[in-house]
Each structure stands twice: as structure tokens, then as C-alpha cells.
């Protein structure tokens, strides 16, 4: 019996959600749009795909193995607010 194993690029999903959502804030004025969007995408995936196993990976910093292998990685992307 095979199982569904999903691996997500969490940093990419949060970045995408940040720009897809309106500027939402909590009662203290803290921005929450990126997390609301991320949660929405995650719930949709869990509901529709129903994975048996799930891993979410996040970049720890701007400097990753990708930038070591390709200096132009995300070179045209604007600085994250």
C-alpha cells in the first residue's frame, strides 16, 4: 500500500500569500495576511489531497544552497517588506 507524501516550500507559500492577500491585521495592528493566506492554502491542500505524510521546509535566511549554486537565484526579486 503506497502513501501520499507531500513536501511544501513553506517560504515560497508565505511569500505568495503575502502578495495575494489584502493587508489584514490583528487587534494590535500586526500584519496577518501572509499567515491567513498560508493557512488557507494548507487547509485546501489537506482537504483536497489528503496526504498521509506532510513536510514543510522553510529557508533559514536569504543565503541558501541555491544562491551558492546559482548567483542569480531570485536576483530580480524585490526585497521582502
N, C-alpha and C. Protein backbone atom coordinates (compact mmCIF):
# COMPACT_ATOMS: atom_id res chain seq x y z
N UNK A 1 0.85 -1.17 0.00
CA UNK A 1 0.00 0.00 0.00
C UNK A 1 0.90 1.24 0.00
N UNK A 2 0.70 2.12 -0.95
CA UNK A 2 1.50 3.34 -1.02
C UNK A 2 0.81 4.48 -0.27
N UNK A 3 1.63 5.40 0.18
CA UNK A 3 1.12 6.55 0.91
C UNK A 3 1.46 7.82 0.14
N UNK A 4 0.65 8.85 0.34
CA UNK A 4 0.92 10.16 -0.26
C UNK A 4 1.81 10.96 0.68
N UNK A 5 2.95 11.39 0.15
CA UNK A 5 3.89 12.21 0.92
C UNK A 5 4.04 13.53 0.19
N UNK A 6 3.67 14.63 0.83
CA UNK A 6 3.73 15.95 0.23
C UNK A 6 4.83 16.76 0.92
N UNK A 7 5.68 17.38 0.11
CA UNK A 7 6.72 18.27 0.63
C UNK A 7 6.42 19.66 0.10
N UNK A 8 6.31 20.64 1.00
CA UNK A 8 5.99 22.01 0.62
C UNK A 8 7.17 22.94 0.87
N UNK A 9 7.33 23.91 -0.01
CA UNK A 9 8.28 25.00 0.19
C UNK A 9 7.54 26.09 0.95
N UNK A 10 7.65 26.06 2.26
CA UNK A 10 6.90 26.98 3.11
C UNK A 10 7.24 28.44 2.87
N UNK A 11 8.50 28.74 2.64
CA UNK A 11 8.92 30.12 2.39
C UNK A 11 8.25 30.67 1.14
N UNK A 12 8.18 29.85 0.11
CA UNK A 12 7.55 30.27 -1.14
C UNK A 12 6.05 30.51 -0.95
N UNK A 13 5.40 29.64 -0.19
CA UNK A 13 3.96 29.80 0.04
C UNK A 13 3.66 31.04 0.86
N UNK A 14 4.47 31.34 1.86
CA UNK A 14 4.24 32.55 2.66
C UNK A 14 4.47 33.79 1.80
N UNK A 15 5.51 33.78 0.97
CA UNK A 15 5.78 34.90 0.08
C UNK A 15 4.59 35.12 -0.86
N UNK A 16 4.10 34.03 -1.42
CA UNK A 16 2.96 34.10 -2.34
C UNK A 16 1.72 34.64 -1.61
N UNK A 17 1.48 34.13 -0.41
CA UNK A 17 0.31 34.56 0.36
C UNK A 17 0.40 36.03 0.74
N UNK A 18 1.61 36.51 1.04
CA UNK A 18 1.80 37.90 1.43
C UNK A 18 1.27 38.84 0.36
N UNK A 19 1.56 38.52 -0.91
CA UNK A 19 1.15 39.38 -2.01
C UNK A 19 -0.27 39.08 -2.51
N UNK A 20 -0.81 37.91 -2.19
CA UNK A 20 -2.14 37.55 -2.66
C UNK A 20 -3.25 38.07 -1.76
N UNK A 21 -2.93 38.29 -0.49
CA UNK A 21 -3.96 38.68 0.47
C UNK A 21 -4.02 40.20 0.63
N UNK A 22 -5.18 40.71 1.00
CA UNK A 22 -5.27 42.15 1.32
C UNK A 22 -4.48 42.42 2.60
N UNK A 23 -4.20 43.66 2.91
CA UNK A 23 -3.41 43.98 4.11
C UNK A 23 -4.22 43.75 5.40
N UNK A 24 -4.26 42.50 5.85
CA UNK A 24 -5.00 42.14 7.06
C UNK A 24 -4.14 42.38 8.30
N UNK A 25 -4.78 42.75 9.41
CA UNK A 25 -4.06 42.94 10.67
C UNK A 25 -4.89 42.37 11.82
N UNK A 26 -4.21 42.11 12.94
CA UNK A 26 -4.92 41.65 14.13
C UNK A 26 -5.31 42.85 14.99
N UNK A 27 -5.84 42.60 16.17
CA UNK A 27 -6.33 43.69 17.03
C UNK A 27 -5.23 44.63 17.50
N UNK A 28 -3.97 44.19 17.45
CA UNK A 28 -2.84 45.05 17.83
C UNK A 28 -2.23 45.77 16.63
N UNK A 29 -2.77 45.52 15.44
CA UNK A 29 -2.24 46.15 14.24
C UNK A 29 -1.12 45.36 13.57
N UNK A 30 -0.84 44.16 14.08
CA UNK A 30 0.21 43.32 13.48
C UNK A 30 -0.30 42.72 12.17
N UNK A 31 0.52 42.71 11.11
CA UNK A 31 0.09 42.14 9.83
C UNK A 31 -0.12 40.63 9.94
N UNK A 32 -1.23 40.14 9.40
CA UNK A 32 -1.55 38.71 9.48
C UNK A 32 -1.90 38.10 8.12
N UNK A 33 -1.91 38.90 7.07
CA UNK A 33 -2.33 38.41 5.76
C UNK A 33 -1.55 37.22 5.26
N UNK A 34 -0.23 37.23 5.43
CA UNK A 34 0.60 36.12 4.94
C UNK A 34 0.23 34.82 5.64
N UNK A 35 0.01 34.87 6.94
CA UNK A 35 -0.32 33.66 7.68
C UNK A 35 -1.74 33.17 7.36
N UNK A 36 -2.67 34.10 7.19
CA UNK A 36 -4.04 33.71 6.83
C UNK A 36 -4.01 33.02 5.46
N UNK A 37 -3.30 33.61 4.51
CA UNK A 37 -3.19 33.01 3.18
C UNK A 37 -2.50 31.67 3.21
N UNK A 38 -1.41 31.56 3.99
CA UNK A 38 -0.69 30.28 4.12
C UNK A 38 -1.62 29.23 4.72
N UNK A 39 -2.33 29.58 5.79
CA UNK A 39 -3.27 28.64 6.42
C UNK A 39 -4.35 28.20 5.44
N UNK A 40 -4.89 29.14 4.66
CA UNK A 40 -5.92 28.80 3.68
C UNK A 40 -5.40 27.80 2.65
N UNK A 41 -4.18 28.03 2.15
CA UNK A 41 -3.60 27.12 1.16
C UNK A 41 -3.34 25.74 1.77
N UNK A 42 -2.87 25.72 3.02
CA UNK A 42 -2.57 24.45 3.68
C UNK A 42 -3.86 23.66 3.94
N UNK A 43 -4.89 24.31 4.42
CA UNK A 43 -6.17 23.63 4.67
C UNK A 43 -6.74 23.09 3.36
N UNK A 44 -6.64 23.87 2.29
CA UNK A 44 -7.14 23.40 0.98
C UNK A 44 -6.38 22.16 0.53
N UNK A 45 -5.06 22.18 0.67
CA UNK A 45 -4.26 21.02 0.28
C UNK A 45 -4.64 19.80 1.12
N UNK A 46 -4.73 19.97 2.43
CA UNK A 46 -5.07 18.85 3.31
C UNK A 46 -6.45 18.28 3.00
N UNK A 47 -7.39 19.15 2.65
CA UNK A 47 -8.75 18.73 2.34
C UNK A 47 -8.85 18.02 0.99
N UNK A 48 -8.17 18.58 -0.01
CA UNK A 48 -8.29 18.04 -1.37
C UNK A 48 -7.34 16.88 -1.64
N UNK A 49 -6.10 16.96 -1.18
CA UNK A 49 -5.10 15.94 -1.48
C UNK A 49 -5.10 14.83 -0.44
N UNK A 50 -5.39 15.17 0.80
CA UNK A 50 -5.41 14.22 1.91
C UNK A 50 -4.11 13.42 2.00
N UNK A 51 -2.98 14.10 2.19
CA UNK A 51 -1.71 13.38 2.28
C UNK A 51 -1.62 12.55 3.56
N UNK A 52 -0.90 11.44 3.49
CA UNK A 52 -0.63 10.63 4.69
C UNK A 52 0.52 11.23 5.48
N UNK A 53 1.45 11.83 4.76
CA UNK A 53 2.62 12.45 5.37
C UNK A 53 2.82 13.83 4.77
N UNK A 54 3.28 14.77 5.57
CA UNK A 54 3.47 16.14 5.11
C UNK A 54 4.73 16.72 5.75
N UNK A 55 5.55 17.36 4.94
CA UNK A 55 6.72 18.08 5.44
C UNK A 55 6.69 19.48 4.84
N UNK A 56 6.99 20.47 5.67
CA UNK A 56 7.07 21.85 5.20
C UNK A 56 8.46 22.36 5.52
N UNK A 57 9.18 22.80 4.49
CA UNK A 57 10.55 23.30 4.66
C UNK A 57 10.56 24.81 4.50
N UNK A 58 11.35 25.48 5.33
CA UNK A 58 11.50 26.93 5.28
C UNK A 58 12.97 27.28 5.13
N UNK A 59 13.27 28.30 4.29
CA UNK A 59 14.63 28.81 4.20
C UNK A 59 14.95 29.54 5.50
N UNK A 60 16.14 29.34 6.03
CA UNK A 60 16.53 29.99 7.28
C UNK A 60 16.99 31.41 7.06
N UNK A 61 17.47 31.71 5.86
CA UNK A 61 17.96 33.05 5.56
C UNK A 61 17.94 33.27 4.05
N UNK A 62 18.37 34.46 3.63
CA UNK A 62 18.44 34.75 2.19
C UNK A 62 19.53 33.92 1.53
N UNK A 63 20.56 33.55 2.28
CA UNK A 63 21.67 32.78 1.73
C UNK A 63 21.39 31.29 1.92
N UNK A 64 21.22 30.58 0.81
CA UNK A 64 20.94 29.14 0.87
C UNK A 64 21.82 28.42 -0.13
N UNK A 65 21.72 27.11 -0.17
CA UNK A 65 22.48 26.34 -1.16
C UNK A 65 22.12 26.76 -2.58
N UNK A 66 20.91 27.26 -2.77
CA UNK A 66 20.50 27.71 -4.11
C UNK A 66 21.34 28.90 -4.57
N UNK A 67 21.60 29.84 -3.65
CA UNK A 67 22.40 31.01 -4.04
C UNK A 67 23.86 30.63 -4.24
N UNK A 68 24.31 29.58 -3.58
CA UNK A 68 25.68 29.10 -3.81
C UNK A 68 25.81 28.47 -5.19
N UNK A 69 24.79 27.75 -5.62
CA UNK A 69 24.84 27.07 -6.91
C UNK A 69 24.54 28.00 -8.08
N UNK A 70 23.72 29.02 -7.84
CA UNK A 70 23.33 29.95 -8.90
C UNK A 70 23.24 31.35 -8.32
N UNK A 71 24.23 32.17 -8.60
CA UNK A 71 24.31 33.51 -8.01
C UNK A 71 23.10 34.38 -8.34
N UNK A 72 22.46 34.13 -9.47
CA UNK A 72 21.31 34.94 -9.88
C UNK A 72 19.99 34.46 -9.31
N UNK A 73 20.00 33.47 -8.42
CA UNK A 73 18.76 32.94 -7.86
C UNK A 73 17.99 34.06 -7.17
N UNK A 74 16.78 34.28 -7.60
CA UNK A 74 15.90 35.34 -7.10
C UNK A 74 16.56 36.73 -7.25
N UNK A 75 17.46 36.86 -8.19
CA UNK A 75 18.19 38.10 -8.38
C UNK A 75 17.35 39.28 -8.81
N UNK A 76 16.21 39.01 -9.44
CA UNK A 76 15.35 40.09 -9.89
C UNK A 76 14.20 40.38 -8.92
N UNK A 77 14.13 39.58 -7.87
CA UNK A 77 13.05 39.76 -6.89
C UNK A 77 13.35 40.95 -5.99
N UNK A 78 12.32 41.73 -5.73
CA UNK A 78 12.46 42.88 -4.84
C UNK A 78 12.67 42.40 -3.42
N UNK A 79 13.24 43.25 -2.60
CA UNK A 79 13.45 42.95 -1.19
C UNK A 79 12.09 42.70 -0.52
N UNK A 80 12.01 41.66 0.32
CA UNK A 80 10.77 41.36 1.03
C UNK A 80 10.48 42.44 2.06
N UNK A 81 9.27 42.97 2.05
CA UNK A 81 8.93 44.02 3.04
C UNK A 81 8.98 43.48 4.47
